[in-house]
Structures are given as C-alpha cells and as structure tokens.
C-alpha cells in the first residue's frame, strides 16, 4: 500500500475523503457493535492490518477519519 500520487489517489485516500464528509448515520450503519465494514475492508482488500486495527478502535466517524489520515501521513513521510 502506498500514499497518494498527484494523479492517482489510492483506495485509502478515497476512504479518507469519504470519512471526512460521510453523514454520521451512514457511518453508524457501517460501524456499530455488530460490525466494522471499514476495518474489514482495509484488512481483507487493502491488506493493511495496522490501519484495520486502528479503525476497530475508532468509536466515531471523526476518530476513524483521524486514523486513516494518520496512516496516510506515515506512508507519505516514508517517501
């Protein structure tokens, strides 16, 4: 997994953007006591177990957005 390029955003970049603007009700549909669709997707599709673990700890949309933004910053700093 990598950070964004200026012309090709990654799926994690898109998740970051989506979480920034997603209504709280939509977030609650995907993340609740029974499931965490975002963490599962990041783990199973993207393969980033660290980000998936951090998303599982996020109790609300702002916390999830922060977790994604922080992970993207880590990847950008490695460039």
N, C-alpha and C. Protein backbone atom coordinates (compact mmCIF):
# COMPACT_ATOMS: atom_id res chain seq x y z
N UNK A 1 0.84 -1.18 0.00
CA UNK A 1 0.00 0.00 0.00
C UNK A 1 0.88 1.24 0.00
N UNK A 2 0.45 2.28 -0.64
CA UNK A 2 1.25 3.50 -0.66
C UNK A 2 0.39 4.71 -0.48
N UNK A 3 1.02 5.85 -0.45
CA UNK A 3 0.31 7.11 -0.34
C UNK A 3 -0.19 7.56 -1.69
N UNK A 4 -0.80 8.71 -1.72
CA UNK A 4 -1.39 9.22 -2.94
C UNK A 4 -0.33 9.80 -3.86
N UNK A 5 -0.59 9.69 -5.13
CA UNK A 5 0.17 10.48 -6.08
C UNK A 5 -0.73 11.62 -6.50
N UNK A 6 -0.19 12.58 -7.20
CA UNK A 6 -1.00 13.73 -7.56
C UNK A 6 -2.08 13.38 -8.56
N UNK A 7 -1.93 12.30 -9.31
CA UNK A 7 -2.93 11.96 -10.32
C UNK A 7 -3.69 10.69 -10.03
N UNK A 8 -3.22 9.86 -9.14
CA UNK A 8 -3.87 8.59 -8.87
C UNK A 8 -4.07 8.36 -7.37
N UNK A 9 -5.21 8.78 -6.84
CA UNK A 9 -5.45 8.54 -5.41
C UNK A 9 -5.60 7.04 -5.15
N UNK A 10 -5.13 6.61 -4.00
CA UNK A 10 -5.27 5.21 -3.60
C UNK A 10 -6.66 4.99 -2.99
N UNK A 11 -7.07 3.74 -2.84
CA UNK A 11 -8.33 3.48 -2.15
C UNK A 11 -8.36 4.04 -0.73
N UNK A 12 -7.21 4.06 -0.06
CA UNK A 12 -7.18 4.61 1.29
C UNK A 12 -7.34 6.13 1.25
N UNK A 13 -6.80 6.79 0.23
CA UNK A 13 -7.04 8.22 0.06
C UNK A 13 -8.54 8.48 -0.12
N UNK A 14 -9.17 7.64 -0.91
CA UNK A 14 -10.60 7.79 -1.14
C UNK A 14 -11.40 7.54 0.13
N UNK A 15 -10.98 6.56 0.93
CA UNK A 15 -11.63 6.32 2.22
C UNK A 15 -11.47 7.54 3.12
N UNK A 16 -10.30 8.13 3.11
CA UNK A 16 -10.05 9.34 3.91
C UNK A 16 -11.04 10.44 3.51
N UNK A 17 -11.16 10.69 2.23
CA UNK A 17 -12.08 11.73 1.74
C UNK A 17 -13.52 11.40 2.11
N UNK A 18 -13.89 10.15 1.94
CA UNK A 18 -15.26 9.72 2.25
C UNK A 18 -15.58 9.90 3.72
N UNK A 19 -14.66 9.50 4.59
CA UNK A 19 -14.90 9.63 6.02
C UNK A 19 -14.99 11.09 6.46
N UNK A 20 -14.30 11.97 5.77
CA UNK A 20 -14.35 13.40 6.11
C UNK A 20 -15.75 13.98 5.91
N UNK A 21 -16.49 13.44 4.94
CA UNK A 21 -17.77 14.04 4.57
C UNK A 21 -18.98 13.15 4.82
N UNK A 22 -18.77 11.94 5.24
CA UNK A 22 -19.86 10.98 5.43
C UNK A 22 -20.78 11.41 6.58
N UNK A 23 -22.09 11.36 6.35
CA UNK A 23 -23.01 11.64 7.46
C UNK A 23 -22.85 10.60 8.58
N UNK A 24 -23.07 11.04 9.80
CA UNK A 24 -22.91 10.16 10.95
C UNK A 24 -23.78 8.92 10.88
N UNK A 25 -24.99 9.05 10.36
CA UNK A 25 -25.87 7.90 10.24
C UNK A 25 -25.34 6.84 9.30
N UNK A 26 -24.71 7.28 8.24
CA UNK A 26 -24.11 6.34 7.30
C UNK A 26 -22.95 5.62 7.96
N UNK A 27 -22.13 6.36 8.69
CA UNK A 27 -21.02 5.75 9.41
C UNK A 27 -21.55 4.71 10.40
N UNK A 28 -22.57 5.06 11.14
CA UNK A 28 -23.13 4.15 12.14
C UNK A 28 -23.71 2.88 11.53
N UNK A 29 -24.19 2.98 10.29
CA UNK A 29 -24.69 1.80 9.59
C UNK A 29 -23.54 0.83 9.33
N UNK A 30 -22.38 1.35 9.00
CA UNK A 30 -21.23 0.52 8.65
C UNK A 30 -20.36 0.14 9.84
N UNK A 31 -20.43 0.93 10.91
CA UNK A 31 -19.63 0.68 12.11
C UNK A 31 -20.54 0.73 13.31
N UNK A 32 -20.71 -0.41 13.96
CA UNK A 32 -21.56 -0.49 15.14
C UNK A 32 -21.11 -1.67 15.99
N UNK A 33 -21.86 -2.03 16.99
CA UNK A 33 -21.44 -3.11 17.89
C UNK A 33 -21.40 -4.47 17.20
N UNK A 34 -22.04 -4.60 16.05
CA UNK A 34 -22.08 -5.88 15.34
C UNK A 34 -21.05 -5.99 14.22
N UNK A 35 -20.58 -4.86 13.69
CA UNK A 35 -19.67 -4.94 12.55
C UNK A 35 -18.84 -3.67 12.42
N UNK A 36 -17.78 -3.78 11.62
CA UNK A 36 -16.98 -2.62 11.26
C UNK A 36 -16.54 -2.85 9.81
N UNK A 37 -17.40 -2.43 8.89
CA UNK A 37 -17.16 -2.67 7.46
C UNK A 37 -15.85 -2.05 6.98
N UNK A 38 -15.50 -0.89 7.48
CA UNK A 38 -14.28 -0.21 7.03
C UNK A 38 -13.04 -0.97 7.47
N UNK A 39 -13.00 -1.38 8.72
CA UNK A 39 -11.85 -2.15 9.22
C UNK A 39 -11.72 -3.48 8.46
N UNK A 40 -12.85 -4.14 8.23
CA UNK A 40 -12.82 -5.41 7.50
C UNK A 40 -12.31 -5.20 6.07
N UNK A 41 -12.78 -4.17 5.42
CA UNK A 41 -12.37 -3.89 4.04
C UNK A 41 -10.88 -3.57 3.97
N UNK A 42 -10.41 -2.74 4.88
CA UNK A 42 -8.99 -2.38 4.89
C UNK A 42 -8.14 -3.62 5.14
N UNK A 43 -8.57 -4.47 6.05
CA UNK A 43 -7.81 -5.69 6.35
C UNK A 43 -7.86 -6.68 5.17
N UNK A 44 -9.05 -6.94 4.66
CA UNK A 44 -9.24 -8.01 3.68
C UNK A 44 -8.90 -7.61 2.25
N UNK A 45 -9.16 -6.37 1.88
CA UNK A 45 -8.95 -5.94 0.50
C UNK A 45 -7.62 -5.19 0.35
N UNK A 46 -7.36 -4.25 1.23
CA UNK A 46 -6.15 -3.44 1.15
C UNK A 46 -4.96 -4.20 1.75
N UNK A 47 -5.22 -4.97 2.80
CA UNK A 47 -4.16 -5.74 3.43
C UNK A 47 -3.36 -4.97 4.47
N UNK A 48 -3.91 -3.88 4.97
CA UNK A 48 -3.20 -3.08 5.97
C UNK A 48 -3.78 -3.40 7.35
N UNK A 49 -3.16 -4.37 8.03
CA UNK A 49 -3.69 -4.79 9.32
C UNK A 49 -3.52 -3.72 10.40
N UNK A 50 -2.50 -2.88 10.27
CA UNK A 50 -2.31 -1.81 11.25
C UNK A 50 -3.45 -0.81 11.17
N UNK A 51 -3.78 -0.36 9.98
CA UNK A 51 -4.89 0.58 9.83
C UNK A 51 -6.20 -0.09 10.24
N UNK A 52 -6.40 -1.34 9.87
CA UNK A 52 -7.62 -2.05 10.25
C UNK A 52 -7.77 -2.08 11.77
N UNK A 53 -6.68 -2.36 12.47
CA UNK A 53 -6.71 -2.40 13.94
C UNK A 53 -7.08 -1.03 14.50
N UNK A 54 -6.49 0.03 13.93
CA UNK A 54 -6.81 1.38 14.40
C UNK A 54 -8.24 1.76 14.10
N UNK A 55 -8.77 1.32 12.97
CA UNK A 55 -10.18 1.60 12.66
C UNK A 55 -11.11 0.87 13.62
N UNK A 56 -10.73 -0.30 14.06
CA UNK A 56 -11.56 -1.03 15.04
C UNK A 56 -11.66 -0.27 16.36
N UNK A 57 -10.62 0.47 16.69
CA UNK A 57 -10.61 1.24 17.94
C UNK A 57 -11.39 2.54 17.83
N UNK A 58 -11.68 2.99 16.60
CA UNK A 58 -12.35 4.28 16.40
C UNK A 58 -13.84 4.15 16.74
N UNK A 59 -14.28 4.95 17.68
CA UNK A 59 -15.66 4.87 18.14
C UNK A 59 -16.62 5.72 17.32
N UNK A 60 -16.10 6.64 16.52
CA UNK A 60 -16.97 7.53 15.76
C UNK A 60 -16.29 7.93 14.45
N UNK A 61 -17.02 8.61 13.60
CA UNK A 61 -16.51 9.00 12.29
C UNK A 61 -15.27 9.88 12.38
N UNK A 62 -15.25 10.93 13.22
CA UNK A 62 -14.03 11.74 13.32
C UNK A 62 -12.81 10.92 13.75
N UNK A 63 -12.98 9.98 14.65
CA UNK A 63 -11.87 9.14 15.09
C UNK A 63 -11.38 8.24 13.96
N UNK A 64 -12.30 7.69 13.19
CA UNK A 64 -11.94 6.85 12.05
C UNK A 64 -11.20 7.67 10.99
N UNK A 65 -11.71 8.87 10.72
CA UNK A 65 -11.06 9.75 9.75
C UNK A 65 -9.65 10.10 10.22
N UNK A 66 -9.50 10.33 11.50
CA UNK A 66 -8.17 10.64 12.04
C UNK A 66 -7.23 9.45 11.87
N UNK A 67 -7.72 8.24 12.13
CA UNK A 67 -6.89 7.04 11.99
C UNK A 67 -6.40 6.88 10.55
N UNK A 68 -7.29 7.11 9.59
CA UNK A 68 -6.92 6.99 8.18
C UNK A 68 -5.92 8.08 7.80
N UNK A 69 -6.21 9.32 8.22
CA UNK A 69 -5.31 10.42 7.91
C UNK A 69 -3.92 10.23 8.50
N UNK A 70 -3.86 9.71 9.72
CA UNK A 70 -2.57 9.47 10.37
C UNK A 70 -1.79 8.38 9.63
N UNK A 71 -2.48 7.35 9.18
CA UNK A 71 -1.81 6.27 8.45
C UNK A 71 -1.29 6.78 7.11
N UNK A 72 -2.09 7.58 6.42
CA UNK A 72 -1.62 8.15 5.16
C UNK A 72 -0.39 9.03 5.39
N UNK A 73 -0.39 9.80 6.47
CA UNK A 73 0.76 10.65 6.78
C UNK A 73 2.02 9.80 7.00
N UNK A 74 1.87 8.64 7.63
CA UNK A 74 3.01 7.74 7.83
C UNK A 74 3.58 7.31 6.48
N UNK A 75 2.71 6.93 5.55
CA UNK A 75 3.19 6.50 4.24
C UNK A 75 3.83 7.64 3.46
N UNK A 76 3.25 8.82 3.55
CA UNK A 76 3.82 9.96 2.83
C UNK A 76 5.18 10.35 3.39
N UNK A 77 5.37 10.18 4.70
CA UNK A 77 6.64 10.52 5.32
C UNK A 77 7.75 9.56 4.90
N UNK A 78 7.40 8.39 4.47
CA UNK A 78 8.39 7.39 4.04
C UNK A 78 8.92 7.66 2.65
N UNK A 79 8.27 8.52 1.92
CA UNK A 79 8.71 8.79 0.53
C UNK A 79 9.97 9.59 0.51
